[in-house]
Amino acid sequence: MFHIALHNPVMPANTGNIIRLSANNGCQLHLIEPLGFDFEEKKLRRAGLDYHDLSNVARYPDFASFAQAMGDRKIFACTTKGSSSYTSVSYPSDCVLLFGSETSGLPDDVLNQFAAEQRIRIPMMPNNRSLNLANAVAIISYEAWRQHDFVGSA
């Protein structure tokens, strides 16, 4: 199944929502530190609700550790600086969808590690900054899953 990775998430409610989302779409969630909150924070637990224990969450001390753990999996950097729409790429079943922090996105040193065709974006109206992180993760992860006919769903 697909992998969702959050690089330096800072808002516990978003991460909690993404934990719940990951439990429901069968994705493994990867959190790349530093986190902008305590992992046991009340807002994180509330947003994740009872799904927290159902999802598969891994944590990494930095991007290099995460990248090494992903091995040969194709990683898509999901960014407002992307050159391709998220609907125009084919997602391998074990690919990684990498998202940056809510306040600053993916740092340039991480983003520059990906070829243009691996930098994807969600189209938006001009002059808007970005979508909520949990919403962006939902949009792109469900497109990837749709391309595989929602395998494993009920």
C-alpha atoms as a PDB file:
ATOM      1  CA  MET A   1       0.000   0.000   0.000  1.00  0.00           C
ATOM      2  CA  PHE A   2       0.964   3.629  -0.268  1.00  0.00           C
ATOM      3  CA  HIS A   3       3.030   5.563   2.225  1.00  0.00           C
ATOM      4  CA  ILE A   4       2.309   9.063   3.507  1.00  0.00           C
ATOM      5  CA  ALA A   5       5.203  11.049   4.965  1.00  0.00           C
ATOM      6  CA  LEU A   6       4.994  14.314   6.880  1.00  0.00           C
ATOM      7  CA  HIS A   7       8.189  16.326   7.082  1.00  0.00           C
ATOM      8  CA  ASN A   8       8.273  18.468  10.234  1.00  0.00           C
ATOM      9  CA  PRO A   9       4.517  18.694  10.878  1.00  0.00           C
ATOM     10  CA  VAL A  10       3.734  21.440  13.388  1.00  0.00           C
ATOM     11  CA  MET A  11      -0.015  21.246  14.034  1.00  0.00           C
ATOM     12  CA  PRO A  12      -1.150  18.296  16.149  1.00  0.00           C
ATOM     13  CA  ALA A  13      -4.752  18.417  14.935  1.00  0.00           C
ATOM     14  CA  ASN A  14      -3.644  18.004  11.305  1.00  0.00           C
ATOM     15  CA  THR A  15      -1.403  15.072  12.190  1.00  0.00           C
ATOM     16  CA  GLY A  16      -4.227  13.498  14.202  1.00  0.00           C
ATOM     17  CA  ASN A  17      -6.556  13.847  11.221  1.00  0.00           C
ATOM     18  CA  ILE A  18      -3.930  12.290   8.962  1.00  0.00           C
ATOM     19  CA  ILE A  19      -3.488   9.390  11.407  1.00  0.00           C
ATOM     20  CA  ARG A  20      -7.220   8.760  11.107  1.00  0.00           C
ATOM     21  CA  LEU A  21      -7.078   9.152   7.317  1.00  0.00           C
ATOM     22  CA  SER A  22      -4.182   6.675   7.092  1.00  0.00           C
ATOM     23  CA  ALA A  23      -6.097   4.114   9.117  1.00  0.00           C
ATOM     24  CA  ASN A  24      -9.029   4.457   6.716  1.00  0.00           C
ATOM     25  CA  ASN A  25      -7.147   4.331   3.430  1.00  0.00           C
ATOM     26  CA  GLY A  26      -4.606   1.710   4.484  1.00  0.00           C
ATOM     27  CA  CYS A  27      -1.524   3.892   4.140  1.00  0.00           C
ATOM     28  CA  GLN A  28       1.481   3.703   6.403  1.00  0.00           C
ATOM     29  CA  LEU A  29       2.240   7.076   7.965  1.00  0.00           C
ATOM     30  CA  HIS A  30       5.807   8.312   8.432  1.00  0.00           C
ATOM     31  CA  LEU A  31       6.632  11.314  10.626  1.00  0.00           C
ATOM     32  CA  ILE A  32       9.963  13.015  10.002  1.00  0.00           C
ATOM     33  CA  GLU A  33      11.258  15.016  12.959  1.00  0.00           C
ATOM     34  CA  PRO A  34      11.444  17.496  14.357  1.00  0.00           C
ATOM     35  CA  LEU A  35       7.753  17.531  15.178  1.00  0.00           C
ATOM     36  CA  GLY A  36       6.254  20.847  16.216  1.00  0.00           C
ATOM     37  CA  PHE A  37       4.362  19.210  19.084  1.00  0.00           C
ATOM     38  CA  ASP A  38       4.535  16.448  21.672  1.00  0.00           C
ATOM     39  CA  PHE A  39       3.377  13.201  20.067  1.00  0.00           C
ATOM     40  CA  GLU A  40       1.133  12.573  23.072  1.00  0.00           C
ATOM     41  CA  GLU A  41      -0.507  15.998  22.823  1.00  0.00           C
ATOM     42  CA  LYS A  42      -4.251  16.087  23.565  1.00  0.00           C
ATOM     43  CA  LYS A  43      -5.164  17.675  20.203  1.00  0.00           C
ATOM     44  CA  LEU A  44      -3.342  14.899  18.356  1.00  0.00           C
ATOM     45  CA  ARG A  45      -5.147  12.195  20.314  1.00  0.00           C
ATOM     46  CA  ARG A  46      -8.539  13.915  19.917  1.00  0.00           C
ATOM     47  CA  ALA A  47      -8.222  14.286  16.139  1.00  0.00           C
ATOM     48  CA  GLY A  48      -6.918  10.737  15.710  1.00  0.00           C
ATOM     49  CA  LEU A  49      -9.665   9.402  17.998  1.00  0.00           C
ATOM     50  CA  ASP A  50      -9.741   5.622  18.258  1.00  0.00           C
ATOM     51  CA  TYR A  51      -7.923   5.211  14.953  1.00  0.00           C
ATOM     52  CA  HIS A  52      -4.585   6.061  16.534  1.00  0.00           C
ATOM     53  CA  ASP A  53      -3.917   2.452  17.453  1.00  0.00           C
ATOM     54  CA  LEU A  54      -5.103   1.130  14.077  1.00  0.00           C
ATOM     55  CA  SER A  55      -2.703   3.034  11.899  1.00  0.00           C
ATOM     56  CA  ASN A  56       0.869   2.198  11.231  1.00  0.00           C
ATOM     57  CA  VAL A  57       2.980   5.196  12.255  1.00  0.00           C
ATOM     58  CA  ALA A  58       6.784   5.312  12.050  1.00  0.00           C
ATOM     59  CA  ARG A  59       9.015   8.168  13.206  1.00  0.00           C
ATOM     60  CA  TYR A  60      12.428   9.234  11.920  1.00  0.00           C
ATOM     61  CA  PRO A  61      14.916  11.657  13.461  1.00  0.00           C
ATOM     62  CA  ASP A  62      15.637  13.360  10.110  1.00  0.00           C
ATOM     63  CA  PHE A  63      15.028  13.203   6.369  1.00  0.00           C
ATOM     64  CA  ALA A  64      18.186  11.189   5.647  1.00  0.00           C
ATOM     65  CA  SER A  65      17.026   8.398   7.987  1.00  0.00           C
ATOM     66  CA  PHE A  66      13.608   8.410   6.396  1.00  0.00           C
ATOM     67  CA  ALA A  67      14.997   8.322   2.837  1.00  0.00           C
ATOM     68  CA  GLN A  68      17.253   5.411   3.716  1.00  0.00           C
ATOM     69  CA  ALA A  69      14.329   3.479   5.200  1.00  0.00           C
ATOM     70  CA  MET A  70      12.262   4.024   2.025  1.00  0.00           C
ATOM     71  CA  GLY A  71      14.901   2.327  -0.115  1.00  0.00           C
ATOM     72  CA  ASP A  72      13.926   2.188  -3.792  1.00  0.00           C
ATOM     73  CA  ARG A  73      10.337   3.358  -3.355  1.00  0.00           C
ATOM     74  CA  LYS A  74       9.363   6.222  -5.627  1.00  0.00           C
ATOM     75  CA  ILE A  75       8.798   9.396  -3.622  1.00  0.00           C
ATOM     76  CA  PHE A  76       6.516  12.183  -4.803  1.00  0.00           C
ATOM     77  CA  ALA A  77       7.169  15.568  -3.208  1.00  0.00           C
ATOM     78  CA  CYS A  78       3.744  17.170  -2.780  1.00  0.00           C
ATOM     79  CA  THR A  79       4.313  20.901  -2.983  1.00  0.00           C
ATOM     80  CA  THR A  80       2.839  24.153  -4.223  1.00  0.00           C
ATOM     81  CA  LYS A  81       6.119  24.412  -6.171  1.00  0.00           C
ATOM     82  CA  GLY A  82       5.320  21.257  -8.140  1.00  0.00           C
ATOM     83  CA  SER A  83       5.453  21.187 -11.900  1.00  0.00           C
ATOM     84  CA  SER A  84       2.842  18.460 -12.451  1.00  0.00           C
ATOM     85  CA  SER A  85      -0.738  18.120 -11.297  1.00  0.00           C
ATOM     86  CA  TYR A  86      -1.312  15.253  -8.869  1.00  0.00           C
ATOM     87  CA  THR A  87      -3.782  13.784 -11.403  1.00  0.00           C
ATOM     88  CA  SER A  88      -1.237  13.571 -14.210  1.00  0.00           C
ATOM     89  CA  VAL A  89       1.108  11.006 -12.641  1.00  0.00           C
ATOM     90  CA  SER A  90       0.848   7.238 -12.205  1.00  0.00           C
ATOM     91  CA  TYR A  91       1.369   6.126  -8.626  1.00  0.00           C
ATOM     92  CA  PRO A  92       3.173   2.829  -7.996  1.00  0.00           C
ATOM     93  CA  SER A  93       1.366   0.848  -5.293  1.00  0.00           C
ATOM     94  CA  ASP A  94       4.222   1.242  -2.801  1.00  0.00           C
ATOM     95  CA  CYS A  95       5.105   4.873  -3.527  1.00  0.00           C
ATOM     96  CA  VAL A  96       5.575   7.590  -0.937  1.00  0.00           C
ATOM     97  CA  LEU A  97       3.629  10.846  -0.833  1.00  0.00           C
ATOM     98  CA  LEU A  98       5.833  13.363   0.971  1.00  0.00           C
ATOM     99  CA  PHE A  99       4.333  16.534   2.450  1.00  0.00           C
ATOM    100  CA  GLY A 100       6.052  19.461   4.160  1.00  0.00           C
ATOM    101  CA  SER A 101       5.130  21.379   7.260  1.00  0.00           C
ATOM    102  CA  GLU A 102       1.957  23.432   7.423  1.00  0.00           C
ATOM    103  CA  THR A 103       3.852  26.679   7.847  1.00  0.00           C
ATOM    104  CA  SER A 104       6.718  26.369   5.386  1.00  0.00           C
ATOM    105  CA  GLY A 105       6.253  23.332   3.140  1.00  0.00           C
ATOM    106  CA  LEU A 106       9.201  21.179   2.169  1.00  0.00           C
ATOM    107  CA  PRO A 107      12.586  22.808   2.697  1.00  0.00           C
ATOM    108  CA  ASP A 108      14.630  23.488  -0.432  1.00  0.00           C
ATOM    109  CA  ASP A 109      17.356  20.988   0.539  1.00  0.00           C
ATOM    110  CA  VAL A 110      14.705  18.233   0.579  1.00  0.00           C
ATOM    111  CA  LEU A 111      12.726  19.456  -2.426  1.00  0.00           C
ATOM    112  CA  ASN A 112      15.867  19.727  -4.572  1.00  0.00           C
ATOM    113  CA  GLN A 113      16.450  15.981  -4.201  1.00  0.00           C
ATOM    114  CA  PHE A 114      13.498  15.265  -6.484  1.00  0.00           C
ATOM    115  CA  ALA A 115      13.249  15.533 -10.241  1.00  0.00           C
ATOM    116  CA  ALA A 116      10.593  17.877 -11.622  1.00  0.00           C
ATOM    117  CA  GLU A 117       8.288  14.977 -12.538  1.00  0.00           C
ATOM    118  CA  GLN A 118       8.311  13.846  -8.895  1.00  0.00           C
ATOM    119  CA  ARG A 119       7.198  17.289  -7.643  1.00  0.00           C
ATOM    120  CA  ILE A 120       3.431  17.299  -7.770  1.00  0.00           C
ATOM    121  CA  ARG A 121       0.862  19.911  -6.858  1.00  0.00           C
ATOM    122  CA  ILE A 122      -2.843  20.391  -6.352  1.00  0.00           C
ATOM    123  CA  PRO A 123      -4.216  23.065  -8.707  1.00  0.00           C
ATOM    124  CA  MET A 124      -5.626  26.084  -6.871  1.00  0.00           C
ATOM    125  CA  MET A 125      -6.964  29.495  -7.697  1.00  0.00           C
ATOM    126  CA  PRO A 126      -4.270  32.126  -8.332  1.00  0.00           C
ATOM    127  CA  ASN A 127      -2.851  34.103  -5.412  1.00  0.00           C
ATOM    128  CA  ASN A 128      -3.756  31.462  -2.822  1.00  0.00           C
ATOM    129  CA  ARG A 129      -0.979  30.090  -0.665  1.00  0.00           C
ATOM    130  CA  SER A 130      -1.939  26.492   0.087  1.00  0.00           C
ATOM    131  CA  LEU A 131      -4.580  24.058   1.277  1.00  0.00           C
ATOM    132  CA  ASN A 132      -4.844  22.646   4.776  1.00  0.00           C
ATOM    133  CA  LEU A 133      -2.313  19.822   5.114  1.00  0.00           C
ATOM    134  CA  ALA A 134      -4.844  17.152   6.090  1.00  0.00           C
ATOM    135  CA  ASN A 135      -7.017  18.115   3.108  1.00  0.00           C
ATOM    136  CA  ALA A 136      -4.059  17.962   0.715  1.00  0.00           C
ATOM    137  CA  VAL A 137      -3.047  14.533   2.035  1.00  0.00           C
ATOM    138  CA  ALA A 138      -6.622  13.287   1.574  1.00  0.00           C
ATOM    139  CA  ILE A 139      -6.885  14.597  -1.989  1.00  0.00           C
ATOM    140  CA  ILE A 140      -3.625  13.110  -3.229  1.00  0.00           C
ATOM    141  CA  SER A 141      -3.717   9.827  -1.299  1.00  0.00           C
ATOM    142  CA  TYR A 142      -7.221   9.052  -2.511  1.00  0.00           C
ATOM    143  CA  GLU A 143      -6.197   9.765  -6.115  1.00  0.00           C
ATOM    144  CA  ALA A 144      -3.320   7.314  -5.742  1.00  0.00           C
ATOM    145  CA  TRP A 145      -5.652   4.725  -4.225  1.00  0.00           C
ATOM    146  CA  ARG A 146      -8.295   5.368  -6.921  1.00  0.00           C
ATOM    147  CA  GLN A 147      -5.713   4.573  -9.592  1.00  0.00           C
ATOM    148  CA  HIS A 148      -5.446   1.120  -7.989  1.00  0.00           C
ATOM    149  CA  ASP A 149      -9.237   0.622  -7.869  1.00  0.00           C
ATOM    150  CA  PHE A 150      -9.326   1.177  -4.093  1.00  0.00           C
ATOM    151  CA  VAL A 151      -7.727  -2.199  -3.493  1.00  0.00           C
ATOM    152  CA  GLY A 152      -8.433  -3.536  -0.010  1.00  0.00           C
ATOM    153  CA  SER A 153     -11.475  -1.354   0.614  1.00  0.00           C
ATOM    154  CA  ALA A 154     -14.810  -2.655   1.787  1.00  0.00           C
END
